[in-house]
Amino acid sequence: MSQKPPIVGQEDSNYVYHHHTPLSKKRFKGSLNSRVSVWDRLLSLYALPEIENERIDRELNWYLQHPDYIARVQERAEPYMHLILNEIEAKNLPGELALLPIVESAFLPEAYSKSDASGLWQFIPATGRLFGLKQDSWYDGRRDVYASTKAATTFLKQLNETFDGDWLLALASYNYGKGNIRKAIERNEDLSLPADYWSLNLPEETMNYVPRLLAIAKLFAHADEYHIPLQYIPNKPYFEVVDIKSQLDLDKAAQLANTPLKEFLKLNPGFNRWTTAPEGPHRLLVPIDQAQSFKKNLAMLPDEDRVAQHRYYEERVPHVPHDEQVAQVAYDRHKVRSGETLTSIATRNHTTAKAIRQANHLAGNTIHSGMILKIPSSRNSANFPIIAKASKNHLQNSRTYTVKKGDTFWKIGQNFSVSGKDIASWNKLTMASSLTPGQKLIIKGGEQQLVTSSSAEPNPFRLIHYTVKPGDSLMKITRKFNVSLTDLRKWNSDTIGKALRPGQKIKILVDNSQPTT
């Protein structure tokens, strides 16, 4: 009977670490059977030594206190794990690295960080291009699950070679940059100090980054002892990579694959528009059980129907003849800038976020810097009922805002995704006008954005509505969701009074790139 690993906090490692037998040898000797799962395969590929260190213990404790999060990341990982393990095994990398997307993106392929990193593996633009991940208005290879996984595993292997086989330094440099890690090593060497990962003076994020991966790896290795269920995911391909030869409407592709568009886009999140890129890549990931029928259906599809640009108009405006639709509807092009949201773009262009989503066949509200959007233009809106209605509703959608201490036109505009200049104009003021607490301002068309002051760039934030439970306090909730008390009060300034009430609904903005409940 194996001894249960100690729960964190029972021992004080005092930053002393010990190498043990690799986890795979301890756990999986002779344990594989006919119903092998991706987790069985993952653990059989473990190669890093187990290390006892209080920084690992702290991260492990967090995971153990949030089993719902572990369940969610397993569900999200299902489509991608077989591919990742194939690349891990092909490049002879430690199996633990297959769990890195939990740390990087919580297995959300469309996650964006405040540093403009993107995808499962969170490549920044420059590093992505360095490893062949094309990025343009049509396609972002950082979000391409297939391409980015190959790039990330190649990058990790190179980093390991750079640091003479030291995987902890390689992982730290994946997060902080190999040049920065080299400088940290040199600083310690100049001071005659140890230059291993645990001894380096690094930013807090990097200090937590490697322990977080080692903690999640330890949890998966000892899941039974920690009473954390590993969901059964068969060790077989989830999708097939299909060469589609040329450009294809993504909505059409999902239909040919008999797969809901939302599910299809989970496998193909790299495309920025409603169709694949005209210059490629000309491949799609298709659910394995639908791949043969997809290829057969695609072969029968006439070339002229591969990119059905008129489909949007036929579906959304069924009562307008097709030849009139093309003549009447105009689109502007907008390149997304850092910090913009669909709502803020819609507000400036006198349309709605829903209309922009429809025009660009977006499955959700996620956009990112550099993306090119088609914006329904109001130039011909008198003849086009959907746009006319959207413009009218936008102008009628106004509210009164009470100025608070410290408010500026810019700050209020950021909160409602409108420009400060517009706010001044709507209220017959100038940007030089002073604002006083209690002053009433008219805000037209904006939707209040629940963002923190640090979220000026695209990020993987997600709004949730939490129901207050008996015994909850504001401090308990902030710790539960890893948010600040100031932000929690700001997001709920209209509902949080002196005390919380069980059953009360509050709004919380959760960062999907970090562990959350």
Protein backbone atom coordinates (compact mmCIF):
# COMPACT_ATOMS: atom_id res chain seq x y z
CA MET A 1 0.00 0.00 0.00
CA SER A 2 1.51 3.29 -1.09
CA GLN A 3 1.95 6.01 1.50
CA LYS A 4 -0.21 9.09 0.94
CA PRO A 5 1.90 12.14 0.02
CA PRO A 6 1.92 14.74 2.80
CA ILE A 7 -0.62 17.53 2.53
CA VAL A 8 1.13 20.81 2.07
CA GLY A 9 2.07 22.60 5.23
CA GLN A 10 2.80 19.48 7.28
CA GLU A 11 6.51 19.85 6.60
CA ASP A 12 8.63 22.95 6.21
CA SER A 13 11.07 22.21 3.39
CA ASN A 14 12.84 25.55 3.99
CA TYR A 15 13.54 25.67 0.26
CA VAL A 16 15.51 22.43 0.44
CA TYR A 17 14.62 20.07 -2.34
CA HIS A 18 15.27 16.38 -2.81
CA HIS A 19 15.30 14.33 -5.97
CA HIS A 20 13.21 11.18 -6.00
CA THR A 21 12.50 8.43 -8.46
CA PRO A 22 10.58 9.84 -11.44
CA LEU A 23 6.86 9.68 -10.82
CA SER A 24 6.16 7.38 -13.77
CA LYS A 25 8.41 4.66 -12.40
CA LYS A 26 6.77 4.86 -8.98
CA ARG A 27 3.19 4.91 -10.15
CA PHE A 28 2.94 3.05 -13.40
CA LYS A 29 5.15 0.01 -13.24
CA GLY A 30 2.91 -2.72 -14.64
CA SER A 31 -0.27 -0.71 -14.25
CA LEU A 32 -1.24 -0.12 -17.89
CA ASN A 33 -4.21 -2.09 -19.21
CA SER A 34 -6.46 -2.35 -22.25
CA ARG A 35 -8.52 0.66 -21.21
CA VAL A 36 -5.56 3.01 -21.21
CA SER A 37 -6.35 6.72 -20.93
CA VAL A 38 -4.40 9.81 -21.89
CA TRP A 39 -3.61 10.24 -18.18
CA ASP A 40 -2.11 6.74 -18.03
CA ARG A 41 0.03 7.61 -21.02
CA LEU A 42 0.92 11.01 -19.62
CA LEU A 43 2.14 9.61 -16.31
CA SER A 44 4.10 6.85 -18.01
CA LEU A 45 6.08 9.62 -19.76
CA TYR A 46 6.95 11.50 -16.57
CA ALA A 47 10.72 12.04 -16.37
CA LEU A 48 11.32 14.90 -13.93
CA PRO A 49 12.33 14.08 -10.36
CA GLU A 50 9.90 14.83 -7.58
CA ILE A 51 11.10 17.83 -5.59
CA GLU A 52 10.14 18.86 -2.07
CA ASN A 53 9.95 22.62 -1.86
CA GLU A 54 7.58 24.95 -0.06
CA ARG A 55 6.89 26.91 -3.26
CA ILE A 56 5.58 23.69 -4.84
CA ASP A 57 3.63 22.91 -1.68
CA ARG A 58 1.92 26.30 -1.78
CA GLU A 59 0.75 25.78 -5.37
CA LEU A 60 -0.31 22.19 -4.66
CA ASN A 61 -2.40 23.36 -1.73
CA TRP A 62 -4.24 25.75 -4.01
CA TYR A 63 -5.06 22.99 -6.49
CA LEU A 64 -6.22 20.67 -3.74
CA GLN A 65 -8.57 23.35 -2.45
CA HIS A 66 -10.08 23.84 -5.93
CA PRO A 67 -11.07 20.40 -7.31
CA ASP A 68 -13.69 21.99 -9.58
CA TYR A 69 -10.93 23.80 -11.44
CA ILE A 70 -9.04 20.52 -11.93
CA ALA A 71 -12.20 18.97 -13.34
CA ARG A 72 -12.70 21.86 -15.77
CA VAL A 73 -9.19 21.86 -17.16
CA GLN A 74 -9.44 18.11 -17.75
CA GLU A 75 -12.61 18.65 -19.79
CA ARG A 76 -10.98 21.43 -21.79
CA ALA A 77 -7.87 19.32 -22.38
CA GLU A 78 -9.75 16.40 -23.95
CA PRO A 79 -9.55 17.51 -27.61
CA TYR A 80 -5.86 18.36 -27.41
CA MET A 81 -4.06 15.91 -25.09
CA HIS A 82 -3.48 13.10 -27.58
CA LEU A 83 -1.81 15.51 -30.02
CA ILE A 84 0.29 17.05 -27.25
CA LEU A 85 1.44 13.66 -25.98
CA ASN A 86 2.37 12.63 -29.52
CA GLU A 87 4.66 15.66 -29.79
CA ILE A 88 6.04 15.16 -26.28
CA GLU A 89 6.89 11.55 -27.05
CA ALA A 90 8.27 12.26 -30.54
CA LYS A 91 10.69 14.85 -29.14
CA ASN A 92 11.54 12.76 -26.06
CA LEU A 93 10.39 15.45 -23.65
CA PRO A 94 9.30 14.87 -20.04
CA GLY A 95 5.61 14.01 -19.90
CA GLU A 96 5.05 16.70 -17.26
CA LEU A 97 5.41 19.33 -20.01
CA ALA A 98 2.09 18.18 -21.50
CA LEU A 99 0.44 19.88 -18.51
CA LEU A 100 2.03 23.25 -19.24
CA PRO A 101 -1.14 24.57 -20.97
CA ILE A 102 -2.88 24.33 -17.58
CA VAL A 103 -0.39 26.84 -16.23
CA GLU A 104 -0.28 28.96 -19.38
CA SER A 105 -3.89 29.17 -20.53
CA ALA A 106 -6.03 26.83 -18.41
CA PHE A 107 -6.41 24.89 -21.69
CA LEU A 108 -8.32 27.75 -23.33
CA PRO A 109 -6.99 28.02 -26.91
CA GLU A 110 -8.31 31.57 -27.32
CA ALA A 111 -6.78 32.89 -24.08
CA TYR A 112 -4.97 36.23 -24.28
CA SER A 113 -2.69 37.72 -21.68
CA LYS A 114 -1.94 41.33 -20.88
CA SER A 115 1.47 40.88 -22.56
CA ASP A 116 -0.31 39.96 -25.84
CA ALA A 117 0.54 36.27 -25.46
CA SER A 118 -1.99 33.98 -27.11
CA GLY A 119 -3.15 30.40 -27.45
CA LEU A 120 -2.79 27.21 -25.44
CA TRP A 121 0.96 27.79 -25.15
CA GLN A 122 0.79 31.60 -24.78
CA PHE A 123 3.27 32.63 -27.46
CA ILE A 124 4.00 36.35 -27.67
CA PRO A 125 3.93 37.66 -31.27
CA ALA A 126 7.71 37.82 -31.80
CA THR A 127 8.44 34.35 -30.41
CA GLY A 128 5.53 32.92 -32.37
CA ARG A 129 6.94 34.29 -35.62
CA LEU A 130 10.40 32.99 -34.68
CA PHE A 131 8.94 29.48 -34.55
CA GLY A 132 6.99 29.76 -37.79
CA LEU A 133 3.59 30.78 -36.40
CA LYS A 134 2.15 33.07 -39.06
CA GLN A 135 0.10 36.01 -37.79
CA ASP A 136 -1.96 38.25 -40.03
CA SER A 137 -5.49 39.58 -40.36
CA TRP A 138 -6.77 36.18 -41.52
CA TYR A 139 -4.95 33.78 -39.24
CA ASP A 140 -3.00 33.60 -35.98
CA GLY A 141 -0.84 30.51 -35.73
CA ARG A 142 -0.41 31.03 -32.00
CA ARG A 143 -4.02 29.94 -31.58
CA ASP A 144 -3.70 27.09 -34.09
CA VAL A 145 -3.69 24.06 -31.79
CA TYR A 146 -1.78 21.88 -34.25
CA ALA A 147 0.88 24.42 -35.27
CA SER A 148 1.43 25.95 -31.83
CA THR A 149 1.85 22.56 -30.14
CA LYS A 150 4.59 21.63 -32.59
CA ALA A 151 6.20 25.05 -32.11
CA ALA A 152 6.00 24.97 -28.30
CA THR A 153 7.53 21.52 -27.98
CA THR A 154 10.33 22.50 -30.38
CA PHE A 155 10.92 25.69 -28.38
CA LEU A 156 11.03 23.80 -25.07
CA LYS A 157 13.50 21.27 -26.45
CA GLN A 158 15.77 24.09 -27.65
CA LEU A 159 15.60 25.81 -24.27
CA ASN A 160 16.56 22.59 -22.52
CA GLU A 161 19.61 22.28 -24.77
CA THR A 162 20.49 25.93 -24.11
CA PHE A 163 20.60 25.26 -20.36
CA ASP A 164 22.53 21.99 -20.64
CA GLY A 165 19.60 19.72 -19.86
CA ASP A 166 18.29 21.64 -16.84
CA TRP A 167 14.52 21.50 -17.31
CA LEU A 168 13.75 23.90 -14.46
CA LEU A 169 15.88 26.63 -16.03
CA ALA A 170 14.37 25.81 -19.43
CA LEU A 171 10.85 26.20 -18.05
CA ALA A 172 11.74 29.43 -16.28
CA SER A 173 13.13 30.81 -19.52
CA TYR A 174 9.95 29.81 -21.38
CA ASN A 175 8.16 32.17 -19.02
CA TYR A 176 10.75 34.92 -18.50
CA GLY A 177 13.05 34.68 -21.54
CA LYS A 178 16.36 32.88 -21.82
CA GLY A 179 18.33 36.14 -21.88
CA ASN A 180 16.80 37.18 -18.57
CA ILE A 181 17.49 33.79 -17.00
CA ARG A 182 21.12 33.93 -18.18
CA LYS A 183 21.50 37.36 -16.56
CA ALA A 184 20.03 36.05 -13.30
CA ILE A 185 22.48 33.12 -13.37
CA GLU A 186 25.41 35.48 -14.04
CA ARG A 187 24.37 37.73 -11.13
CA ASN A 188 24.45 34.78 -8.74
CA GLU A 189 27.75 33.52 -10.12
CA ASP A 190 29.32 36.98 -9.71
CA LEU A 191 28.26 36.87 -6.04
CA SER A 192 29.52 33.28 -5.64
CA LEU A 193 25.94 32.13 -5.01
CA PRO A 194 24.29 28.92 -6.25
CA ALA A 195 22.89 29.38 -9.76
CA ASP A 196 20.17 26.71 -9.83
CA TYR A 197 16.55 27.73 -10.48
CA TRP A 198 15.56 27.75 -6.81
CA SER A 199 18.42 30.13 -5.92
CA LEU A 200 17.80 32.76 -8.59
CA ASN A 201 16.23 36.14 -7.86
CA LEU A 202 13.38 36.24 -10.38
CA PRO A 203 10.08 38.09 -10.80
CA GLU A 204 7.23 36.72 -8.69
CA GLU A 205 5.43 35.30 -11.74
CA THR A 206 8.48 33.21 -12.70
CA MET A 207 9.10 32.26 -9.06
CA ASN A 208 5.61 30.71 -9.05
CA TYR A 209 5.59 29.43 -12.64
CA VAL A 210 7.81 26.36 -12.37
CA PRO A 211 6.43 25.30 -8.95
CA ARG A 212 2.93 25.56 -10.37
CA LEU A 213 3.74 23.05 -13.13
CA LEU A 214 5.52 20.71 -10.71
CA ALA A 215 2.55 20.94 -8.34
CA ILE A 216 -0.04 20.04 -10.98
CA ALA A 217 2.21 17.19 -12.16
CA LYS A 218 2.45 15.87 -8.61
CA LEU A 219 -1.30 16.12 -8.14
CA PHE A 220 -1.98 14.10 -11.31
CA ALA A 221 0.60 11.49 -10.27
CA HIS A 222 -1.03 11.04 -6.85
CA ALA A 223 -4.62 11.79 -7.82
CA ASP A 224 -6.04 8.75 -6.02
CA GLU A 225 -4.27 9.56 -2.76
CA TYR A 226 -5.42 13.17 -2.98
CA HIS A 227 -8.99 12.09 -3.86
CA ILE A 228 -8.90 14.02 -7.16
CA PRO A 229 -10.72 12.04 -9.90
CA LEU A 230 -9.06 11.87 -13.31
CA GLN A 231 -11.77 11.86 -15.95
CA TYR A 232 -11.52 9.06 -18.47
CA ILE A 233 -10.25 10.35 -21.81
CA PRO A 234 -9.28 7.53 -24.18
CA ASN A 235 -5.73 7.48 -25.49
CA LYS A 236 -6.75 7.85 -29.11
CA PRO A 237 -6.86 10.72 -31.62
CA TYR A 238 -9.66 13.22 -31.07
CA PHE A 239 -9.36 14.73 -34.54
CA GLU A 240 -7.83 14.21 -37.96
CA VAL A 241 -5.81 16.88 -39.75
CA VAL A 242 -7.48 17.28 -43.15
CA ASP A 243 -5.91 19.01 -46.17
CA ILE A 244 -8.73 21.14 -47.62
CA LYS A 245 -6.57 22.40 -50.55
CA SER A 246 -8.01 25.93 -50.65
CA GLN A 247 -10.09 28.52 -48.79
CA LEU A 248 -13.29 27.31 -47.11
CA ASP A 249 -16.09 28.97 -45.14
CA LEU A 250 -15.80 27.78 -41.51
CA ASP A 251 -19.55 27.61 -41.11
CA LYS A 252 -19.72 25.46 -44.25
CA ALA A 253 -16.87 23.28 -42.96
CA ALA A 254 -18.72 22.66 -39.69
CA GLN A 255 -21.82 21.65 -41.65
CA LEU A 256 -19.78 19.27 -43.83
CA ALA A 257 -18.35 17.75 -40.65
CA ASN A 258 -21.82 17.48 -39.07
CA THR A 259 -20.38 19.30 -36.05
CA PRO A 260 -21.79 22.31 -34.16
CA LEU A 261 -19.89 25.43 -35.17
CA LYS A 262 -18.89 26.17 -31.57
CA GLU A 263 -17.29 22.74 -31.22
CA PHE A 264 -15.66 23.00 -34.64
CA LEU A 265 -14.07 26.33 -33.72
CA LYS A 266 -12.58 24.80 -30.57
CA LEU A 267 -10.46 22.68 -32.86
CA ASN A 268 -9.76 25.50 -35.31
CA PRO A 269 -9.42 28.71 -33.26
CA GLY A 270 -6.55 30.12 -35.33
CA PHE A 271 -8.70 31.79 -37.99
CA ASN A 272 -9.62 35.43 -37.42
CA ARG A 273 -12.51 35.63 -39.87
CA TRP A 274 -15.51 33.61 -40.97
CA THR A 275 -13.43 31.69 -43.50
CA THR A 276 -10.01 30.07 -43.63
CA ALA A 277 -7.10 32.17 -44.85
CA PRO A 278 -6.85 32.55 -48.66
CA GLU A 279 -3.10 31.91 -48.57
CA GLY A 280 -3.35 29.09 -46.09
CA PRO A 281 -2.77 27.11 -44.04
CA HIS A 282 -5.22 24.94 -45.95
CA ARG A 283 -5.91 22.42 -43.23
CA LEU A 284 -8.64 21.90 -40.67
CA LEU A 285 -8.87 19.71 -37.61
CA VAL A 286 -12.00 17.58 -37.93
CA PRO A 287 -13.44 15.31 -35.18
CA ILE A 288 -12.09 11.84 -35.89
CA ASP A 289 -15.51 10.21 -36.13
CA GLN A 290 -16.60 12.76 -38.75
CA ALA A 291 -13.38 12.96 -40.78
CA GLN A 292 -14.30 10.48 -43.52
CA SER A 293 -17.73 11.96 -44.13
CA PHE A 294 -16.24 15.46 -44.07
CA LYS A 295 -13.74 14.54 -46.79
CA LYS A 296 -16.47 12.89 -48.86
CA ASN A 297 -18.80 15.89 -48.47
CA LEU A 298 -16.00 18.33 -49.28
CA ALA A 299 -15.11 16.45 -52.45
CA MET A 300 -18.70 16.87 -53.66
CA LEU A 301 -18.84 20.59 -52.83
CA PRO A 302 -18.60 22.79 -55.96
CA ASP A 303 -15.62 25.17 -55.90
CA GLU A 304 -17.88 28.19 -56.22
CA ASP A 305 -19.66 27.21 -52.98
CA ARG A 306 -16.53 26.86 -50.83
CA VAL A 307 -16.58 30.52 -49.79
CA ALA A 308 -20.23 31.63 -49.72
CA GLN A 309 -19.86 35.32 -48.94
CA HIS A 310 -23.55 35.92 -49.55
CA ARG A 311 -24.57 33.36 -46.90
CA TYR A 312 -24.63 35.96 -44.14
CA TYR A 313 -27.13 38.16 -45.92
CA GLU A 314 -29.39 35.28 -46.93
CA GLU A 315 -29.51 33.96 -43.36
CA ARG A 316 -29.90 37.27 -41.57
CA VAL A 317 -32.17 39.18 -44.00
CA PRO A 318 -34.38 36.53 -45.60
CA HIS A 319 -36.95 39.05 -46.86
CA VAL A 320 -34.53 41.13 -48.92
CA PRO A 321 -33.76 39.81 -52.43
CA HIS A 322 -30.14 38.68 -52.74
CA ASP A 323 -29.24 41.11 -55.53
CA GLU A 324 -30.53 44.02 -53.43
CA GLN A 325 -28.59 42.85 -50.36
CA VAL A 326 -25.25 43.06 -52.13
CA ALA A 327 -26.04 46.50 -53.47
CA GLN A 328 -27.38 47.92 -50.23
CA VAL A 329 -25.03 46.60 -47.52
CA ALA A 330 -21.70 48.32 -46.95
CA TYR A 331 -18.88 47.30 -44.62
CA ASP A 332 -16.02 49.24 -43.15
CA ARG A 333 -12.79 47.61 -42.07
CA HIS A 334 -11.43 48.13 -38.56
CA LYS A 335 -8.10 46.94 -37.18
CA VAL A 336 -8.49 46.11 -33.51
CA ARG A 337 -6.25 48.13 -31.21
CA SER A 338 -4.96 47.11 -27.80
CA GLY A 339 -7.63 47.45 -25.14
CA GLU A 340 -10.63 47.59 -27.48
CA THR A 341 -13.74 45.48 -26.95
CA LEU A 342 -16.54 44.59 -29.33
CA THR A 343 -18.77 46.97 -27.42
CA SER A 344 -16.37 49.90 -27.66
CA ILE A 345 -15.89 49.33 -31.40
CA ALA A 346 -19.65 49.02 -31.92
CA THR A 347 -20.26 52.22 -29.96
CA ARG A 348 -17.85 54.26 -32.07
CA ASN A 349 -19.33 52.87 -35.29
CA HIS A 350 -23.03 53.27 -34.36
CA THR A 351 -23.78 49.57 -34.48
CA THR A 352 -24.00 46.71 -31.98
CA ALA A 353 -21.59 44.05 -30.79
CA LYS A 354 -24.06 41.42 -31.99
CA ALA A 355 -24.04 42.87 -35.52
CA ILE A 356 -20.24 42.80 -35.59
CA ARG A 357 -20.21 39.20 -34.34
CA GLN A 358 -22.65 38.20 -37.06
CA ALA A 359 -20.76 40.06 -39.78
CA ASN A 360 -17.52 38.31 -38.84
CA HIS A 361 -19.03 34.93 -37.90
CA LEU A 362 -17.55 35.20 -34.40
CA ALA A 363 -18.65 32.54 -31.94
CA GLY A 364 -18.11 34.84 -28.96
CA ASN A 365 -16.84 38.25 -27.88
CA THR A 366 -13.13 37.37 -27.99
CA ILE A 367 -11.10 39.74 -30.17
CA HIS A 368 -7.43 40.63 -30.09
CA SER A 369 -5.02 43.35 -31.11
CA GLY A 370 -4.30 43.36 -34.87
CA MET A 371 -7.47 41.52 -35.87
CA ILE A 372 -9.33 42.95 -38.88
CA LEU A 373 -13.09 43.20 -38.42
CA LYS A 374 -15.85 43.93 -40.90
CA ILE A 375 -18.02 46.67 -39.41
CA PRO A 376 -21.63 46.99 -40.69
CA SER A 377 -21.71 50.52 -42.03
CA SER A 378 -24.58 52.90 -41.45
CA ARG A 379 -23.99 54.60 -44.81
CA ASN A 380 -26.92 52.73 -46.35
CA SER A 381 -28.78 51.89 -43.15
CA ALA A 382 -31.97 53.60 -44.32
CA ASN A 383 -32.34 50.80 -46.87
CA PHE A 384 -31.11 48.01 -44.62
CA PRO A 385 -33.45 47.30 -41.72
CA ILE A 386 -31.04 45.39 -39.46
CA ILE A 387 -28.42 48.14 -39.46
CA ALA A 388 -31.03 50.88 -39.21
CA LYS A 389 -32.58 49.21 -36.19
CA ALA A 390 -29.19 48.69 -34.59
CA SER A 391 -28.23 52.32 -35.06
CA LYS A 392 -31.55 53.51 -33.65
CA ASN A 393 -31.32 51.23 -30.64
CA HIS A 394 -27.74 52.32 -30.06
CA LEU A 395 -28.69 55.99 -29.96
CA GLN A 396 -31.61 55.30 -27.66
CA ASN A 397 -29.50 53.22 -25.27
CA SER A 398 -28.38 55.87 -22.80
CA ARG A 399 -28.02 56.04 -19.06
CA THR A 400 -27.19 58.48 -16.29
CA TYR A 401 -23.89 58.14 -14.49
CA THR A 402 -23.08 59.74 -11.13
CA VAL A 403 -19.53 61.07 -10.98
CA LYS A 404 -17.40 59.62 -8.17
CA LYS A 405 -14.32 61.01 -6.47
CA GLY A 406 -11.27 60.65 -8.73
CA ASP A 407 -13.31 60.22 -11.94
CA THR A 408 -12.06 61.71 -15.20
CA PHE A 409 -13.61 61.71 -18.66
CA TRP A 410 -11.01 59.13 -19.73
CA LYS A 411 -11.65 56.84 -16.74
CA ILE A 412 -15.44 56.95 -17.18
CA GLY A 413 -15.04 56.34 -20.91
CA GLN A 414 -12.89 53.26 -20.23
CA ASN A 415 -15.55 51.96 -17.86
CA PHE A 416 -18.27 52.23 -20.50
CA SER A 417 -16.09 51.58 -23.60
CA VAL A 418 -16.77 55.01 -25.10
CA SER A 419 -14.45 57.95 -25.61
CA GLY A 420 -14.06 60.64 -23.00
CA LYS A 421 -14.46 63.22 -25.76
CA ASP A 422 -17.90 61.80 -26.62
CA ILE A 423 -18.97 61.94 -22.97
CA ALA A 424 -17.99 65.60 -22.82
CA SER A 425 -19.88 66.31 -26.06
CA TRP A 426 -23.05 64.50 -24.93
CA ASN A 427 -23.09 66.63 -21.79
CA LYS A 428 -22.23 69.93 -23.54
CA LEU A 429 -18.86 70.03 -21.78
CA THR A 430 -15.24 70.15 -22.95
CA MET A 431 -12.40 67.83 -22.03
CA ALA A 432 -11.04 70.70 -19.90
CA SER A 433 -14.22 70.85 -17.82
CA SER A 434 -13.82 69.78 -14.19
CA LEU A 435 -15.93 66.94 -12.82
CA THR A 436 -17.33 67.01 -9.29
CA PRO A 437 -18.55 64.06 -7.19
CA GLY A 438 -22.32 63.72 -7.46
CA GLN A 439 -22.47 65.33 -10.91
CA LYS A 440 -24.82 63.55 -13.34
CA LEU A 441 -23.56 62.62 -16.81
CA ILE A 442 -25.43 61.16 -19.79
CA ILE A 443 -23.72 58.08 -21.29
CA LYS A 444 -25.01 57.02 -24.70
CA GLY A 445 -24.77 53.52 -26.11
CA GLY A 446 -22.05 52.17 -23.86
CA GLU A 447 -22.12 48.91 -21.99
CA GLN A 448 -20.35 49.08 -18.66
CA GLN A 449 -17.16 47.06 -18.86
CA LEU A 450 -16.10 45.04 -15.83
CA VAL A 451 -12.35 45.44 -16.25
CA THR A 452 -9.61 46.32 -13.85
CA SER A 453 -7.21 49.18 -14.35
CA SER A 454 -4.49 46.70 -15.26
CA SER A 455 -6.45 45.16 -18.12
CA ALA A 456 -5.70 47.73 -20.80
CA GLU A 457 -4.68 45.00 -23.23
CA PRO A 458 -6.64 41.97 -24.44
CA ASN A 459 -6.76 39.26 -21.81
CA PRO A 460 -8.57 36.02 -21.03
CA PHE A 461 -10.91 37.56 -18.44
CA ARG A 462 -14.34 36.00 -18.00
CA LEU A 463 -17.35 37.48 -16.19
CA ILE A 464 -19.16 35.16 -13.79
CA HIS A 465 -22.16 35.72 -11.53
CA TYR A 466 -21.53 34.27 -8.08
CA THR A 467 -24.29 33.48 -5.59
CA VAL A 468 -23.31 34.43 -2.05
CA LYS A 469 -23.40 31.43 0.31
CA PRO A 470 -24.00 31.38 4.08
CA GLY A 471 -20.76 32.27 5.83
CA ASP A 472 -19.30 34.12 2.82
CA SER A 473 -17.47 37.38 3.41
CA LEU A 474 -15.89 39.79 0.94
CA MET A 475 -12.41 38.70 2.01
CA LYS A 476 -13.31 35.03 1.68
CA ILE A 477 -14.63 35.62 -1.85
CA THR A 478 -11.53 37.59 -2.88
CA ARG A 479 -9.31 34.70 -1.77
CA LYS A 480 -11.58 32.16 -3.43
CA PHE A 481 -11.35 33.88 -6.83
CA ASN A 482 -7.90 35.47 -6.46
CA VAL A 483 -9.16 39.04 -6.99
CA SER A 484 -8.64 42.23 -5.00
CA LEU A 485 -11.17 43.63 -2.55
CA THR A 486 -10.99 47.00 -4.35
CA ASP A 487 -11.92 45.42 -7.69
CA LEU A 488 -14.69 43.33 -6.14
CA ARG A 489 -16.26 46.44 -4.62
CA LYS A 490 -15.88 48.36 -7.89
CA TRP A 491 -17.53 45.66 -9.97
CA ASN A 492 -20.47 45.58 -7.56
CA SER A 493 -20.67 49.21 -6.44
CA ASP A 494 -24.41 49.26 -7.03
CA THR A 495 -25.23 46.07 -5.09
CA ILE A 496 -22.70 45.58 -2.27
CA GLY A 497 -23.70 47.41 0.89
CA LYS A 498 -22.40 47.03 4.41
CA ALA A 499 -23.07 43.30 4.51
CA LEU A 500 -23.51 40.39 2.10
CA ARG A 501 -26.74 38.39 2.05
CA PRO A 502 -26.93 34.66 1.27
CA GLY A 503 -28.47 34.30 -2.19
CA GLN A 504 -27.21 37.70 -3.35
CA LYS A 505 -25.73 37.73 -6.86
CA ILE A 506 -22.39 39.49 -7.36
CA LYS A 507 -20.21 39.98 -10.44
CA ILE A 508 -16.62 38.72 -10.53
CA LEU A 509 -14.11 39.04 -13.36
CA VAL A 510 -12.02 35.87 -13.42
CA ASP A 511 -8.65 35.58 -15.19
CA ASN A 512 -8.83 32.31 -17.17
CA SER A 513 -5.05 32.14 -17.53
CA GLN A 514 -4.73 31.57 -13.77
CA PRO A 515 -6.25 28.85 -11.60
CA THR A 516 -9.79 29.75 -10.57
CA THR A 517 -12.67 27.99 -8.92
